[in-house]
Amino acid sequence: MTQRRTGAFDKAAAVFRKHGGLLRTTAAIDYGIHPRVLYAMRDGKAVEQLARGVYRLAGLPKLGNPDLVTVAIKAPQGVVCLISALAFHEITTQIPREVHIAIPRDSKGPRIEYPPVRVYVFSGKAYTEGIETRQLDGVPVKIYSPEKTLADCFKYRNKVGLDTAIEAVRLYRERKPVKVGEIMRFARVCRIARVMQPYLESLL
């Protein structure tokens, strides 16, 4: 490898490290990494391609949440929801086969080849309320709170299954500080309060 190429690789690697070791192609170019350098780093195993257009500096510790991190980068408006949020908060026995994300009604669905993604369109406060931002592997990931997720699961009980929603309430009671007021607030936001209340009264 020539000294000039080594220098370009070193500068590019420094840019990756400054941004947590993980960048989209567009961001890398915006930060001054020439496409030729980026693709040469990929071919030379200096960076690994997590998904189309998403690269991570090689040699870093293994990602703890690779699917959620990849989707967060590819779909910045996406909020982890439903089964994926239940799994993150450890209030389900379901193993999500796709990353479930919510996007606002006025946005376009993300094009993500991998990991598999299931997209739901939320509108108004049903989208904006209850979002928490967690730092996963150095990347900010938006995810709905446990209480908002419970309301969402009852709203989408025909898609996730009523049994899943009921189980989530039981596990929430066992594993989380119970915030009935918060759950009911989100239930009203999701227009599902009358449906949820009998279950909450019997389970919490």
C-alpha atoms as a PDB file:
ATOM      1  CA  MET A   1       0.000   0.000   0.000  1.00  0.00           C
ATOM      2  CA  THR A   2       1.447   3.389  -0.953  1.00  0.00           C
ATOM      3  CA  GLN A   3       2.187   6.023   1.673  1.00  0.00           C
ATOM      4  CA  ARG A   4      -0.401   8.320   0.090  1.00  0.00           C
ATOM      5  CA  ARG A   5      -3.077   5.639   0.270  1.00  0.00           C
ATOM      6  CA  THR A   6      -2.112   4.789   3.839  1.00  0.00           C
ATOM      7  CA  GLY A   7      -2.488   8.429   4.785  1.00  0.00           C
ATOM      8  CA  ALA A   8      -5.945   8.604   3.211  1.00  0.00           C
ATOM      9  CA  PHE A   9      -6.977   5.438   5.056  1.00  0.00           C
ATOM     10  CA  ASP A  10      -5.690   6.841   8.371  1.00  0.00           C
ATOM     11  CA  LYS A  11      -7.608  10.100   7.912  1.00  0.00           C
ATOM     12  CA  ALA A  12     -10.751   8.228   6.976  1.00  0.00           C
ATOM     13  CA  ALA A  13     -10.389   5.907   9.968  1.00  0.00           C
ATOM     14  CA  ALA A  14     -10.064   8.957  12.219  1.00  0.00           C
ATOM     15  CA  VAL A  15     -13.357  10.273  10.822  1.00  0.00           C
ATOM     16  CA  PHE A  16     -15.036   6.944  11.532  1.00  0.00           C
ATOM     17  CA  ARG A  17     -13.704   6.906  15.105  1.00  0.00           C
ATOM     18  CA  LYS A  18     -14.910  10.480  15.688  1.00  0.00           C
ATOM     19  CA  HIS A  19     -18.445   9.362  14.808  1.00  0.00           C
ATOM     20  CA  GLY A  20     -18.552   6.160  16.817  1.00  0.00           C
ATOM     21  CA  GLY A  21     -16.959   3.947  14.161  1.00  0.00           C
ATOM     22  CA  LEU A  22     -20.098   3.653  12.032  1.00  0.00           C
ATOM     23  CA  LEU A  23     -21.205   5.801   9.075  1.00  0.00           C
ATOM     24  CA  ARG A  24     -23.583   5.811   6.151  1.00  0.00           C
ATOM     25  CA  THR A  25     -21.972   6.326   2.748  1.00  0.00           C
ATOM     26  CA  THR A  26     -23.545   9.770   2.353  1.00  0.00           C
ATOM     27  CA  ALA A  27     -22.319  10.868   5.782  1.00  0.00           C
ATOM     28  CA  ALA A  28     -18.798   9.560   5.111  1.00  0.00           C
ATOM     29  CA  ILE A  29     -18.640  11.552   1.880  1.00  0.00           C
ATOM     30  CA  ASP A  30     -20.037  14.646   3.623  1.00  0.00           C
ATOM     31  CA  TYR A  31     -17.266  14.332   6.222  1.00  0.00           C
ATOM     32  CA  GLY A  32     -14.632  14.372   3.486  1.00  0.00           C
ATOM     33  CA  ILE A  33     -13.984  10.682   2.786  1.00  0.00           C
ATOM     34  CA  HIS A  34     -13.670  10.179  -0.972  1.00  0.00           C
ATOM     35  CA  PRO A  35     -15.824   7.341  -2.326  1.00  0.00           C
ATOM     36  CA  ARG A  36     -12.726   5.660  -3.802  1.00  0.00           C
ATOM     37  CA  VAL A  37     -11.113   5.644  -0.363  1.00  0.00           C
ATOM     38  CA  LEU A  38     -14.236   4.260   1.281  1.00  0.00           C
ATOM     39  CA  TYR A  39     -14.619   1.429  -1.218  1.00  0.00           C
ATOM     40  CA  ALA A  40     -10.903   0.661  -1.061  1.00  0.00           C
ATOM     41  CA  MET A  41     -11.195   0.428   2.716  1.00  0.00           C
ATOM     42  CA  ARG A  42     -14.115  -1.945   2.272  1.00  0.00           C
ATOM     43  CA  ASP A  43     -12.192  -4.099  -0.204  1.00  0.00           C
ATOM     44  CA  GLY A  44      -9.167  -4.055   2.073  1.00  0.00           C
ATOM     45  CA  LYS A  45     -11.248  -5.080   5.109  1.00  0.00           C
ATOM     46  CA  ALA A  46     -10.491  -1.807   6.906  1.00  0.00           C
ATOM     47  CA  VAL A  47     -14.247  -1.283   7.209  1.00  0.00           C
ATOM     48  CA  GLU A  48     -17.054  -3.832   7.204  1.00  0.00           C
ATOM     49  CA  GLN A  49     -20.337  -3.358   5.397  1.00  0.00           C
ATOM     50  CA  LEU A  50     -23.215  -3.928   7.827  1.00  0.00           C
ATOM     51  CA  ALA A  51     -25.879  -3.237   5.207  1.00  0.00           C
ATOM     52  CA  ARG A  52     -26.101  -1.484   1.891  1.00  0.00           C
ATOM     53  CA  GLY A  53     -24.667   1.988   2.453  1.00  0.00           C
ATOM     54  CA  VAL A  54     -23.681   1.381   6.095  1.00  0.00           C
ATOM     55  CA  TYR A  55     -20.041   0.834   7.052  1.00  0.00           C
ATOM     56  CA  ARG A  56     -18.283   0.191  10.359  1.00  0.00           C
ATOM     57  CA  LEU A  57     -14.611   0.481  11.160  1.00  0.00           C
ATOM     58  CA  ALA A  58     -13.019  -2.961  11.431  1.00  0.00           C
ATOM     59  CA  GLY A  59     -11.494  -4.178  14.679  1.00  0.00           C
ATOM     60  CA  LEU A  60     -14.094  -2.629  16.978  1.00  0.00           C
ATOM     61  CA  PRO A  61     -15.915  -4.719  19.613  1.00  0.00           C
ATOM     62  CA  LYS A  62     -18.829  -6.740  18.289  1.00  0.00           C
ATOM     63  CA  LEU A  63     -22.088  -4.806  18.127  1.00  0.00           C
ATOM     64  CA  GLY A  64     -24.541  -5.662  20.863  1.00  0.00           C
ATOM     65  CA  ASN A  65     -27.599  -4.595  18.874  1.00  0.00           C
ATOM     66  CA  PRO A  66     -26.578  -4.746  15.193  1.00  0.00           C
ATOM     67  CA  ASP A  67     -30.098  -4.854  13.740  1.00  0.00           C
ATOM     68  CA  LEU A  68     -31.456  -1.943  15.770  1.00  0.00           C
ATOM     69  CA  VAL A  69     -28.327   0.119  15.132  1.00  0.00           C
ATOM     70  CA  THR A  70     -28.394  -0.530  11.390  1.00  0.00           C
ATOM     71  CA  VAL A  71     -32.068   0.380  11.111  1.00  0.00           C
ATOM     72  CA  ALA A  72     -31.573   3.525  13.200  1.00  0.00           C
ATOM     73  CA  ILE A  73     -28.910   4.715  10.780  1.00  0.00           C
ATOM     74  CA  LYS A  74     -30.823   3.782   7.640  1.00  0.00           C
ATOM     75  CA  ALA A  75     -34.168   5.130   8.895  1.00  0.00           C
ATOM     76  CA  PRO A  76     -33.483   8.142  11.152  1.00  0.00           C
ATOM     77  CA  GLN A  77     -37.213   8.921  11.485  1.00  0.00           C
ATOM     78  CA  GLY A  78     -38.006   5.357  12.474  1.00  0.00           C
ATOM     79  CA  VAL A  79     -38.928   4.563  16.072  1.00  0.00           C
ATOM     80  CA  VAL A  80     -38.550   0.977  17.309  1.00  0.00           C
ATOM     81  CA  CYS A  81     -42.038  -0.207  18.231  1.00  0.00           C
ATOM     82  CA  LEU A  82     -44.338  -3.144  19.017  1.00  0.00           C
ATOM     83  CA  ILE A  83     -42.626  -6.571  19.158  1.00  0.00           C
ATOM     84  CA  SER A  84     -39.128  -5.131  18.757  1.00  0.00           C
ATOM     85  CA  ALA A  85     -39.737  -2.616  21.551  1.00  0.00           C
ATOM     86  CA  LEU A  86     -41.226  -5.328  23.775  1.00  0.00           C
ATOM     87  CA  ALA A  87     -38.121  -7.444  23.194  1.00  0.00           C
ATOM     88  CA  PHE A  88     -35.803  -4.522  23.929  1.00  0.00           C
ATOM     89  CA  HIS A  89     -37.617  -3.799  27.202  1.00  0.00           C
ATOM     90  CA  GLU A  90     -37.673  -7.541  28.016  1.00  0.00           C
ATOM     91  CA  ILE A  91     -41.448  -7.740  28.426  1.00  0.00           C
ATOM     92  CA  THR A  92     -42.187 -10.462  25.899  1.00  0.00           C
ATOM     93  CA  THR A  93     -41.220 -14.037  25.143  1.00  0.00           C
ATOM     94  CA  GLN A  94     -41.597 -13.340  21.432  1.00  0.00           C
ATOM     95  CA  ILE A  95     -38.441 -13.247  19.311  1.00  0.00           C
ATOM     96  CA  PRO A  96     -38.890 -10.613  16.601  1.00  0.00           C
ATOM     97  CA  ARG A  97     -37.983 -11.863  13.133  1.00  0.00           C
ATOM     98  CA  GLU A  98     -38.107  -8.315  11.795  1.00  0.00           C
ATOM     99  CA  VAL A  99     -37.292  -4.927  13.240  1.00  0.00           C
ATOM    100  CA  HIS A 100     -40.637  -3.218  13.845  1.00  0.00           C
ATOM    101  CA  ILE A 101     -40.477   0.548  13.367  1.00  0.00           C
ATOM    102  CA  ALA A 102     -42.996   3.369  13.270  1.00  0.00           C
ATOM    103  CA  ILE A 103     -42.641   6.262  10.838  1.00  0.00           C
ATOM    104  CA  PRO A 104     -44.705   9.465  10.588  1.00  0.00           C
ATOM    105  CA  ARG A 105     -47.538   9.542   8.099  1.00  0.00           C
ATOM    106  CA  ASP A 106     -45.921  12.166   5.854  1.00  0.00           C
ATOM    107  CA  SER A 107     -42.632  10.283   5.348  1.00  0.00           C
ATOM    108  CA  LYS A 108     -41.562   7.651   2.848  1.00  0.00           C
ATOM    109  CA  GLY A 109     -40.889   4.104   3.941  1.00  0.00           C
ATOM    110  CA  PRO A 110     -37.160   3.317   4.228  1.00  0.00           C
ATOM    111  CA  ARG A 111     -35.447   1.059   1.705  1.00  0.00           C
ATOM    112  CA  ILE A 112     -33.600  -1.463   3.824  1.00  0.00           C
ATOM    113  CA  GLU A 113     -32.515  -4.782   2.361  1.00  0.00           C
ATOM    114  CA  TYR A 114     -31.163  -6.120   5.653  1.00  0.00           C
ATOM    115  CA  PRO A 115     -32.149  -6.605   8.401  1.00  0.00           C
ATOM    116  CA  PRO A 116     -35.810  -7.374   7.621  1.00  0.00           C
ATOM    117  CA  VAL A 117     -38.018  -4.456   8.650  1.00  0.00           C
ATOM    118  CA  ARG A 118     -41.756  -4.139   9.224  1.00  0.00           C
ATOM    119  CA  VAL A 119     -42.964  -0.551   8.922  1.00  0.00           C
ATOM    120  CA  TYR A 120     -46.031   0.926  10.616  1.00  0.00           C
ATOM    121  CA  VAL A 121     -47.357   4.401   9.891  1.00  0.00           C
ATOM    122  CA  PHE A 122     -48.232   6.370  13.046  1.00  0.00           C
ATOM    123  CA  SER A 123     -49.726   9.844  12.948  1.00  0.00           C
ATOM    124  CA  GLY A 124     -49.771  12.841  15.264  1.00  0.00           C
ATOM    125  CA  LYS A 125     -49.162  12.186  18.949  1.00  0.00           C
ATOM    126  CA  ALA A 126     -49.370   8.448  18.373  1.00  0.00           C
ATOM    127  CA  TYR A 127     -46.006   8.868  16.622  1.00  0.00           C
ATOM    128  CA  THR A 128     -44.399  11.644  18.678  1.00  0.00           C
ATOM    129  CA  GLU A 129     -45.357  10.657  22.232  1.00  0.00           C
ATOM    130  CA  GLY A 130     -43.380   8.226  24.346  1.00  0.00           C
ATOM    131  CA  ILE A 131     -40.124   8.249  22.355  1.00  0.00           C
ATOM    132  CA  GLU A 132     -36.951   7.479  24.275  1.00  0.00           C
ATOM    133  CA  THR A 133     -33.497   7.818  22.753  1.00  0.00           C
ATOM    134  CA  ARG A 134     -31.062   5.106  23.813  1.00  0.00           C
ATOM    135  CA  GLN A 135     -27.373   4.978  22.992  1.00  0.00           C
ATOM    136  CA  LEU A 136     -26.752   1.510  21.567  1.00  0.00           C
ATOM    137  CA  ASP A 137     -23.211   0.744  20.440  1.00  0.00           C
ATOM    138  CA  GLY A 138     -22.562   4.486  20.328  1.00  0.00           C
ATOM    139  CA  VAL A 139     -25.546   5.162  18.041  1.00  0.00           C
ATOM    140  CA  PRO A 140     -28.705   7.009  19.151  1.00  0.00           C
ATOM    141  CA  VAL A 141     -31.687   4.715  18.651  1.00  0.00           C
ATOM    142  CA  LYS A 142     -35.255   5.957  19.077  1.00  0.00           C
ATOM    143  CA  ILE A 143     -37.561   3.509  20.810  1.00  0.00           C
ATOM    144  CA  TYR A 144     -40.949   3.800  22.463  1.00  0.00           C
ATOM    145  CA  SER A 145     -41.111   3.551  26.248  1.00  0.00           C
ATOM    146  CA  PRO A 146     -42.520   0.376  27.832  1.00  0.00           C
ATOM    147  CA  GLU A 147     -45.780   2.158  28.683  1.00  0.00           C
ATOM    148  CA  LYS A 148     -46.265   3.546  25.166  1.00  0.00           C
ATOM    149  CA  THR A 149     -45.415   0.131  23.719  1.00  0.00           C
ATOM    150  CA  LEU A 150     -48.121  -1.553  25.782  1.00  0.00           C
ATOM    151  CA  ALA A 151     -50.692   0.887  24.407  1.00  0.00           C
ATOM    152  CA  ASP A 152     -49.427   0.353  20.871  1.00  0.00           C
ATOM    153  CA  CYS A 153     -49.691  -3.420  21.246  1.00  0.00           C
ATOM    154  CA  PHE A 154     -53.336  -3.202  22.265  1.00  0.00           C
ATOM    155  CA  LYS A 155     -54.004  -0.807  19.398  1.00  0.00           C
ATOM    156  CA  TYR A 156     -52.376  -3.236  16.965  1.00  0.00           C
ATOM    157  CA  ARG A 157     -53.590  -6.379  18.747  1.00  0.00           C
ATOM    158  CA  ASN A 158     -54.929  -7.771  15.471  1.00  0.00           C
ATOM    159  CA  LYS A 159     -51.382  -7.707  14.086  1.00  0.00           C
ATOM    160  CA  VAL A 160     -49.264  -8.681  17.108  1.00  0.00           C
ATOM    161  CA  GLY A 161     -51.894 -10.860  18.809  1.00  0.00           C
ATOM    162  CA  LEU A 162     -53.985 -10.124  21.885  1.00  0.00           C
ATOM    163  CA  ASP A 163     -52.140 -12.881  23.776  1.00  0.00           C
ATOM    164  CA  THR A 164     -48.866 -11.047  23.138  1.00  0.00           C
ATOM    165  CA  ALA A 165     -50.304  -7.792  24.443  1.00  0.00           C
ATOM    166  CA  ILE A 166     -51.694  -9.453  27.594  1.00  0.00           C
ATOM    167  CA  GLU A 167     -48.415 -11.278  28.238  1.00  0.00           C
ATOM    168  CA  ALA A 168     -46.554  -7.966  27.886  1.00  0.00           C
ATOM    169  CA  VAL A 169     -48.688  -6.388  30.621  1.00  0.00           C
ATOM    170  CA  ARG A 170     -48.009  -9.342  32.933  1.00  0.00           C
ATOM    171  CA  LEU A 171     -44.253  -9.208  32.330  1.00  0.00           C
ATOM    172  CA  TYR A 172     -44.296  -5.421  32.700  1.00  0.00           C
ATOM    173  CA  ARG A 173     -45.922  -5.840  36.128  1.00  0.00           C
ATOM    174  CA  GLU A 174     -43.221  -8.337  37.135  1.00  0.00           C
ATOM    175  CA  ARG A 175     -40.165  -6.554  35.744  1.00  0.00           C
ATOM    176  CA  LYS A 176     -40.824  -2.797  35.610  1.00  0.00           C
ATOM    177  CA  PRO A 177     -41.939  -0.031  37.968  1.00  0.00           C
ATOM    178  CA  VAL A 178     -45.683   0.033  37.288  1.00  0.00           C
ATOM    179  CA  LYS A 179     -46.900   3.396  35.957  1.00  0.00           C
ATOM    180  CA  VAL A 180     -50.607   2.956  35.399  1.00  0.00           C
ATOM    181  CA  GLY A 181     -51.136   6.676  34.833  1.00  0.00           C
ATOM    182  CA  GLU A 182     -48.557   6.687  32.039  1.00  0.00           C
ATOM    183  CA  ILE A 183     -50.058   3.621  30.406  1.00  0.00           C
ATOM    184  CA  MET A 184     -53.525   5.181  30.431  1.00  0.00           C
ATOM    185  CA  ARG A 185     -52.171   8.462  29.096  1.00  0.00           C
ATOM    186  CA  PHE A 186     -50.722   6.649  26.097  1.00  0.00           C
ATOM    187  CA  ALA A 187     -53.877   4.560  25.802  1.00  0.00           C
ATOM    188  CA  ARG A 188     -55.825   7.784  25.368  1.00  0.00           C
ATOM    189  CA  VAL A 189     -53.283   9.035  22.836  1.00  0.00           C
ATOM    190  CA  CYS A 190     -53.786   5.795  20.894  1.00  0.00           C
ATOM    191  CA  ARG A 191     -57.582   5.948  21.403  1.00  0.00           C
ATOM    192  CA  ILE A 192     -57.566   2.560  23.017  1.00  0.00           C
ATOM    193  CA  ALA A 193     -58.303   3.428  26.677  1.00  0.00           C
ATOM    194  CA  ARG A 194     -61.689   1.654  26.852  1.00  0.00           C
ATOM    195  CA  VAL A 195     -60.188  -1.510  25.419  1.00  0.00           C
ATOM    196  CA  MET A 196     -57.151  -1.500  27.719  1.00  0.00           C
ATOM    197  CA  GLN A 197     -58.731  -0.514  31.017  1.00  0.00           C
ATOM    198  CA  PRO A 198     -60.384  -3.866  31.853  1.00  0.00           C
ATOM    199  CA  TYR A 199     -57.140  -5.713  31.182  1.00  0.00           C
ATOM    200  CA  LEU A 200     -55.118  -3.274  33.281  1.00  0.00           C
ATOM    201  CA  GLU A 201     -57.604  -3.543  36.160  1.00  0.00           C
ATOM    202  CA  SER A 202     -57.364  -7.335  36.161  1.00  0.00           C
ATOM    203  CA  LEU A 203     -53.633  -7.637  35.524  1.00  0.00           C
ATOM    204  CA  LEU A 204     -51.994  -4.711  37.360  1.00  0.00           C
END
